Amino acid sequence: AMTICALLLARQFYDLEPSTRLKYATLGLLFVNISIGGTLTHFAAPPVLMVARPWGWDTSFMIGHFGWRAAVAILSATGIYYAVFRNELGALGNRDPSPDREDPEEASTAGSPVALLPVPAWLVVAHLVFMAWTVFNAHYPALFVGGFLIFLGFVRATAVYQTRIELKAPLLVGFFLAGLVIHGGLQGWWIAPVLASLSEEPLFFGATLLTAFNDNALITYLATLVPNLSDDLKVAVVEGAVTGGGLTVIANAPNPAGQAILGPFFATAISPLKLFLAALLPTVIAILAFRAI
């Protein structure tokens, strides 16, 4: 989701050279929306994936407790940002793309860009089938890995229709989550009494704050190490973790992928302070959606 949305932003908005203010606003909105949008299912986001199996949460539970609130927050924040920037967005529609701007996806590949053939419908269906296979067999390593290897071969065989797959960022995320599962248990001695001593509201805001300085999957995974955590506290810690997922680049595992795609459109490196300020309003809206509704 992060890659698709970032590419759409790059091609439909950033390529038209919007103001720096609009760039940061859309970047902060993107990071927050991706983070809280991961609560629509029990497998869509790393912080949810860390707790879904230990706590027995499924998609119906996620939608009933998190998903609809996240949808309200996403629609509200996006609507507010549209209202604020509607004049500039309208002006962008009359601009031509910058002729010297390199396509972000092409820029990420080595060598000269290759002209691709139009994507046939069967190829789209095949990608959806591979995606469904991965989701349904997520807990069966042999089927999961086998399907992934076949997918890599399929992509190679149909290279005339699609660009190559960049595996670096997904592998880094995968290694991080694997390391979290392997080594995270060693942190239980101090995190368990801390989380167990907090009530619902302090736990929510504490998780939101900690997420800005730690990956939110770390926060939720450590919460699974706390014995006898009540259902209300489980919900609070996950809500807090996903709410703070857009405040910094490191707060949510997909954020670096968005930064890699959209970063070249900024004159200098993405400012952590400006990103924090841009994500603050959507974060506050998410807090209200999760805590006040």
Protein backbone atom coordinates (compact mmCIF):
# COMPACT_ATOMS: atom_id res chain seq x y z
CA ALA A 1 0.00 0.00 0.00
CA MET A 2 2.80 2.42 0.86
CA THR A 3 4.63 1.79 -2.41
CA ILE A 4 1.50 2.13 -4.54
CA CYS A 5 0.34 5.33 -2.83
CA ALA A 6 3.83 6.86 -2.90
CA LEU A 7 4.18 6.14 -6.62
CA LEU A 8 0.76 7.68 -7.28
CA LEU A 9 1.74 10.78 -5.30
CA ALA A 10 5.01 11.02 -7.20
CA ARG A 11 3.45 10.71 -10.64
CA GLN A 12 0.21 12.62 -10.11
CA PHE A 13 1.33 15.40 -7.73
CA TYR A 14 5.03 15.67 -6.96
CA ASP A 15 5.98 15.53 -10.64
CA LEU A 16 4.01 18.78 -11.08
CA GLU A 17 6.32 20.52 -8.59
CA PRO A 18 3.88 21.52 -5.83
CA SER A 19 4.90 23.74 -2.93
CA THR A 20 7.08 22.34 -0.17
CA ARG A 21 4.17 22.85 2.22
CA LEU A 22 1.93 20.58 0.15
CA LYS A 23 4.69 17.99 -0.18
CA TYR A 24 5.13 17.69 3.57
CA ALA A 25 1.37 17.74 4.17
CA THR A 26 0.77 14.86 1.77
CA LEU A 27 3.78 12.94 3.11
CA GLY A 28 2.62 13.23 6.72
CA LEU A 29 -0.94 12.35 5.73
CA LEU A 30 0.31 9.34 3.78
CA PHE A 31 2.35 7.98 6.68
CA VAL A 32 -0.48 8.34 9.21
CA ASN A 33 -3.14 6.92 6.90
CA ILE A 34 -1.01 3.90 6.00
CA SER A 35 -0.30 3.24 9.68
CA ILE A 36 -3.88 3.37 10.94
CA GLY A 37 -5.26 1.84 7.74
CA GLY A 38 -3.40 -1.34 8.60
CA THR A 39 -6.00 -2.06 11.28
CA LEU A 40 -8.66 -2.97 8.71
CA THR A 41 -7.50 -6.60 8.75
CA HIS A 42 -5.43 -8.80 11.06
CA PHE A 43 -2.58 -9.19 8.56
CA ALA A 44 -2.23 -5.79 6.88
CA ALA A 45 0.33 -4.11 9.16
CA PRO A 46 3.36 -5.31 11.18
CA PRO A 47 2.09 -3.98 14.55
CA VAL A 48 -1.18 -5.87 14.09
CA LEU A 49 0.55 -8.97 12.73
CA MET A 50 2.64 -9.15 15.90
CA VAL A 51 -0.44 -9.52 18.13
CA ALA A 52 -3.12 -11.10 15.95
CA ARG A 53 -2.10 -14.70 16.53
CA PRO A 54 -1.13 -14.51 20.25
CA TRP A 55 -4.32 -12.65 21.11
CA GLY A 56 -6.63 -14.47 18.70
CA TRP A 57 -7.71 -11.43 16.69
CA ASP A 58 -9.26 -11.94 13.25
CA THR A 59 -10.45 -9.56 10.53
CA SER A 60 -13.98 -9.25 11.90
CA PHE A 61 -12.56 -8.26 15.30
CA MET A 62 -10.21 -5.73 13.69
CA ILE A 63 -12.97 -4.09 11.67
CA GLY A 64 -15.34 -3.97 14.63
CA HIS A 65 -12.84 -2.50 17.10
CA PHE A 66 -10.35 -0.60 14.92
CA GLY A 67 -11.15 -0.57 11.22
CA TRP A 68 -14.24 1.62 11.08
CA ARG A 69 -12.65 4.17 13.41
CA ALA A 70 -9.53 4.22 11.25
CA ALA A 71 -11.70 4.77 8.17
CA VAL A 72 -13.39 7.73 9.85
CA ALA A 73 -10.00 9.22 10.74
CA ILE A 74 -8.60 8.70 7.23
CA LEU A 75 -11.60 10.26 5.49
CA SER A 76 -11.70 13.17 7.94
CA ALA A 77 -7.98 14.00 7.74
CA THR A 78 -7.89 13.64 3.96
CA GLY A 79 -10.97 15.84 3.61
CA ILE A 80 -9.47 18.55 5.81
CA TYR A 81 -6.19 18.55 3.90
CA TYR A 82 -8.09 18.70 0.62
CA ALA A 83 -10.05 21.72 1.85
CA VAL A 84 -6.86 23.46 2.96
CA PHE A 85 -4.98 22.83 -0.29
CA ARG A 86 -7.85 22.77 -2.78
CA ASN A 87 -6.71 25.94 -4.57
CA GLU A 88 -3.18 24.65 -5.08
CA LEU A 89 -4.45 21.23 -6.10
CA GLY A 90 -6.66 22.88 -8.69
CA ALA A 91 -3.71 24.87 -10.02
CA LEU A 92 -1.62 21.71 -10.33
CA GLY A 93 -4.18 20.30 -12.72
CA ASN A 94 -3.24 22.97 -15.26
CA ARG A 95 0.49 22.28 -15.13
CA ASP A 96 2.50 20.00 -17.36
CA PRO A 97 4.82 17.47 -15.73
CA SER A 98 8.40 18.62 -15.36
CA PRO A 99 10.26 17.42 -18.48
CA ASP A 100 13.52 16.81 -16.64
CA ARG A 101 12.01 14.94 -13.70
CA GLU A 102 13.09 11.32 -13.68
CA ASP A 103 10.39 8.75 -13.06
CA PRO A 104 10.82 7.54 -9.45
CA GLU A 105 10.39 3.89 -10.30
CA GLU A 106 12.76 4.07 -13.24
CA ALA A 107 15.28 6.00 -11.15
CA SER A 108 15.40 3.16 -8.64
CA THR A 109 16.58 0.64 -11.25
CA ALA A 110 20.01 0.39 -12.71
CA GLY A 111 20.67 1.04 -16.37
CA SER A 112 18.51 2.69 -19.00
CA PRO A 113 14.71 2.49 -18.69
CA VAL A 114 13.09 -0.16 -20.86
CA ALA A 115 9.83 0.48 -22.70
CA LEU A 116 7.17 -1.82 -21.28
CA LEU A 117 4.22 -3.33 -23.11
CA PRO A 118 0.67 -2.55 -21.90
CA VAL A 119 -0.25 -4.70 -18.91
CA PRO A 120 -2.78 -7.41 -19.90
CA ALA A 121 -5.70 -8.30 -17.65
CA TRP A 122 -4.45 -11.84 -17.05
CA LEU A 123 -1.27 -10.47 -15.52
CA VAL A 124 -3.24 -8.40 -13.02
CA VAL A 125 -5.33 -11.46 -12.13
CA ALA A 126 -2.17 -13.51 -11.66
CA HIS A 127 -0.77 -10.95 -9.22
CA LEU A 128 -4.02 -11.03 -7.24
CA VAL A 129 -3.90 -14.84 -7.12
CA PHE A 130 -0.33 -14.78 -5.81
CA MET A 131 -1.33 -12.19 -3.22
CA ALA A 132 -4.29 -14.27 -2.05
CA TRP A 133 -2.10 -17.38 -1.89
CA THR A 134 0.39 -15.54 0.32
CA VAL A 135 -2.30 -14.32 2.71
CA PHE A 136 -4.04 -17.67 3.08
CA ASN A 137 -0.79 -19.59 3.55
CA ALA A 138 0.98 -17.06 5.77
CA HIS A 139 1.33 -19.62 8.59
CA TYR A 140 2.56 -22.48 6.37
CA PRO A 141 6.21 -21.73 5.54
CA ALA A 142 6.60 -24.41 2.86
CA LEU A 143 3.60 -23.16 0.87
CA PHE A 144 4.44 -19.51 1.56
CA VAL A 145 8.07 -19.75 0.41
CA GLY A 146 7.19 -22.03 -2.50
CA GLY A 147 4.58 -19.60 -3.75
CA PHE A 148 7.01 -16.71 -3.40
CA LEU A 149 9.69 -18.48 -5.45
CA ILE A 150 7.18 -19.29 -8.18
CA PHE A 151 6.10 -15.64 -8.14
CA LEU A 152 9.69 -14.47 -8.65
CA GLY A 153 10.00 -16.80 -11.63
CA PHE A 154 6.68 -15.58 -13.00
CA VAL A 155 7.77 -11.95 -12.76
CA ARG A 156 11.01 -12.78 -14.54
CA ALA A 157 9.15 -14.60 -17.31
CA THR A 158 6.79 -11.64 -17.82
CA ALA A 159 9.45 -8.93 -17.59
CA VAL A 160 8.26 -7.29 -20.81
CA TYR A 161 5.11 -6.19 -18.98
CA GLN A 162 6.48 -5.01 -15.64
CA THR A 163 9.53 -3.51 -13.99
CA ARG A 164 11.79 -5.62 -11.84
CA ILE A 165 10.97 -6.20 -8.18
CA GLU A 166 13.10 -4.32 -5.66
CA LEU A 167 13.67 -6.75 -2.80
CA LYS A 168 15.98 -4.69 -0.58
CA ALA A 169 13.34 -2.77 1.41
CA PRO A 170 10.98 -5.76 1.92
CA LEU A 171 13.89 -7.95 3.01
CA LEU A 172 15.05 -5.34 5.51
CA VAL A 173 11.55 -5.17 6.99
CA GLY A 174 11.37 -8.96 7.11
CA PHE A 175 14.73 -9.26 8.84
CA PHE A 176 13.71 -6.60 11.34
CA LEU A 177 10.50 -8.42 12.25
CA ALA A 178 12.33 -11.74 12.46
CA GLY A 179 14.93 -10.20 14.76
CA LEU A 180 12.13 -8.72 16.83
CA VAL A 181 10.58 -12.14 17.39
CA ILE A 182 13.95 -13.74 18.14
CA HIS A 183 15.36 -11.11 20.48
CA GLY A 184 12.24 -9.30 21.69
CA GLY A 185 11.55 -11.86 24.38
CA LEU A 186 14.67 -10.72 26.20
CA GLN A 187 12.99 -7.36 26.87
CA GLY A 188 10.08 -8.86 28.76
CA TRP A 189 11.73 -8.46 32.17
CA TRP A 190 11.27 -4.68 32.15
CA ILE A 191 8.46 -4.01 29.67
CA ALA A 192 5.98 -6.38 31.34
CA PRO A 193 5.82 -4.56 34.70
CA VAL A 194 5.79 -1.15 32.98
CA LEU A 195 2.86 -1.96 30.70
CA ALA A 196 1.02 -3.83 33.44
CA SER A 197 1.23 -0.80 35.74
CA LEU A 198 -0.45 1.57 33.26
CA SER A 199 -4.17 2.16 32.95
CA GLU A 200 -5.93 2.39 29.59
CA GLU A 201 -5.45 6.08 28.71
CA PRO A 202 -1.80 6.38 29.84
CA LEU A 203 -1.04 3.18 27.94
CA PHE A 204 -2.60 4.56 24.75
CA PHE A 205 -0.70 7.86 24.86
CA GLY A 206 2.47 6.16 26.05
CA ALA A 207 2.37 3.79 23.08
CA THR A 208 1.73 6.73 20.74
CA LEU A 209 4.74 8.61 22.10
CA LEU A 210 7.07 5.60 22.16
CA THR A 211 6.14 4.71 18.59
CA ALA A 212 7.62 8.00 17.37
CA PHE A 213 11.05 6.80 18.54
CA ASN A 214 10.63 3.05 18.00
CA ASP A 215 9.00 0.95 15.32
CA ASN A 216 5.37 0.38 16.31
CA ALA A 217 5.69 -3.37 15.75
CA LEU A 218 8.21 -3.40 18.60
CA ILE A 219 5.68 -1.79 20.94
CA THR A 220 2.90 -4.23 20.15
CA TYR A 221 5.16 -7.28 20.21
CA LEU A 222 6.46 -6.39 23.65
CA ALA A 223 2.84 -6.02 24.78
CA THR A 224 2.26 -9.69 23.93
CA LEU A 225 4.90 -10.57 26.52
CA VAL A 226 2.81 -9.10 29.34
CA PRO A 227 0.82 -11.87 31.06
CA ASN A 228 -2.88 -11.41 31.79
CA LEU A 229 -3.18 -8.10 29.92
CA SER A 230 -6.86 -7.12 29.83
CA ASP A 231 -8.72 -6.79 26.53
CA ASP A 232 -9.13 -3.03 26.99
CA LEU A 233 -5.39 -2.61 27.49
CA LYS A 234 -4.65 -4.76 24.44
CA VAL A 235 -6.85 -2.52 22.30
CA ALA A 236 -5.33 0.63 23.81
CA VAL A 237 -1.72 -0.35 23.11
CA VAL A 238 -2.44 -1.28 19.48
CA GLU A 239 -4.45 1.89 18.92
CA GLY A 240 -1.63 3.97 20.35
CA ALA A 241 1.03 2.17 18.33
CA VAL A 242 -0.69 2.66 14.97
CA THR A 243 -1.75 6.23 15.80
CA GLY A 244 1.86 7.35 16.25
CA GLY A 245 3.06 5.49 13.15
CA GLY A 246 3.27 8.58 10.95
CA LEU A 247 5.12 10.98 13.21
CA THR A 248 8.60 9.89 12.12
CA VAL A 249 10.15 7.79 9.37
CA ILE A 250 11.18 5.06 11.83
CA ALA A 251 7.78 4.84 13.52
CA ASN A 252 6.30 2.38 11.01
CA ALA A 253 8.12 -0.23 8.93
CA PRO A 254 6.65 0.86 5.53
CA ASN A 255 7.64 4.52 6.03
CA PRO A 256 11.21 4.14 4.70
CA ALA A 257 9.78 2.76 1.45
CA GLY A 258 7.69 5.91 1.04
CA GLN A 259 10.68 8.05 1.92
CA ALA A 260 12.82 6.29 -0.71
CA ILE A 261 10.26 6.97 -3.45
CA LEU A 262 9.30 10.53 -2.52
CA GLY A 263 12.58 11.74 -1.02
CA PRO A 264 14.15 12.75 -4.36
CA PHE A 265 11.34 15.28 -4.89
CA PHE A 266 12.51 17.33 -1.90
CA ALA A 267 15.29 19.86 -2.39
CA THR A 268 17.18 18.46 0.59
CA ALA A 269 16.65 15.45 2.81
CA ILE A 270 13.19 15.13 4.36
CA SER A 271 13.16 17.23 7.52
CA PRO A 272 12.13 15.17 10.60
CA LEU A 273 10.65 18.27 12.26
CA LYS A 274 8.58 19.29 9.23
CA LEU A 275 7.38 15.71 8.80
CA PHE A 276 6.37 15.58 12.47
CA LEU A 277 4.43 18.85 12.17
CA ALA A 278 2.75 17.74 8.94
CA ALA A 279 1.66 14.46 10.52
CA LEU A 280 0.46 16.07 13.74
CA LEU A 281 -3.06 17.00 12.58
CA PRO A 282 -3.86 13.55 11.11
CA THR A 283 -2.45 12.02 14.30
CA VAL A 284 -4.72 14.16 16.49
CA ILE A 285 -7.69 13.19 14.31
CA ALA A 286 -6.75 9.52 14.72
CA ILE A 287 -6.55 9.99 18.50
CA LEU A 288 -10.05 11.46 18.52
CA ALA A 289 -11.36 8.67 16.31
CA PHE A 290 -9.94 5.90 18.50
CA ARG A 291 -10.53 7.47 21.90
CA ALA A 292 -13.57 9.75 21.54
CA ILE A 293 -15.88 7.75 19.26
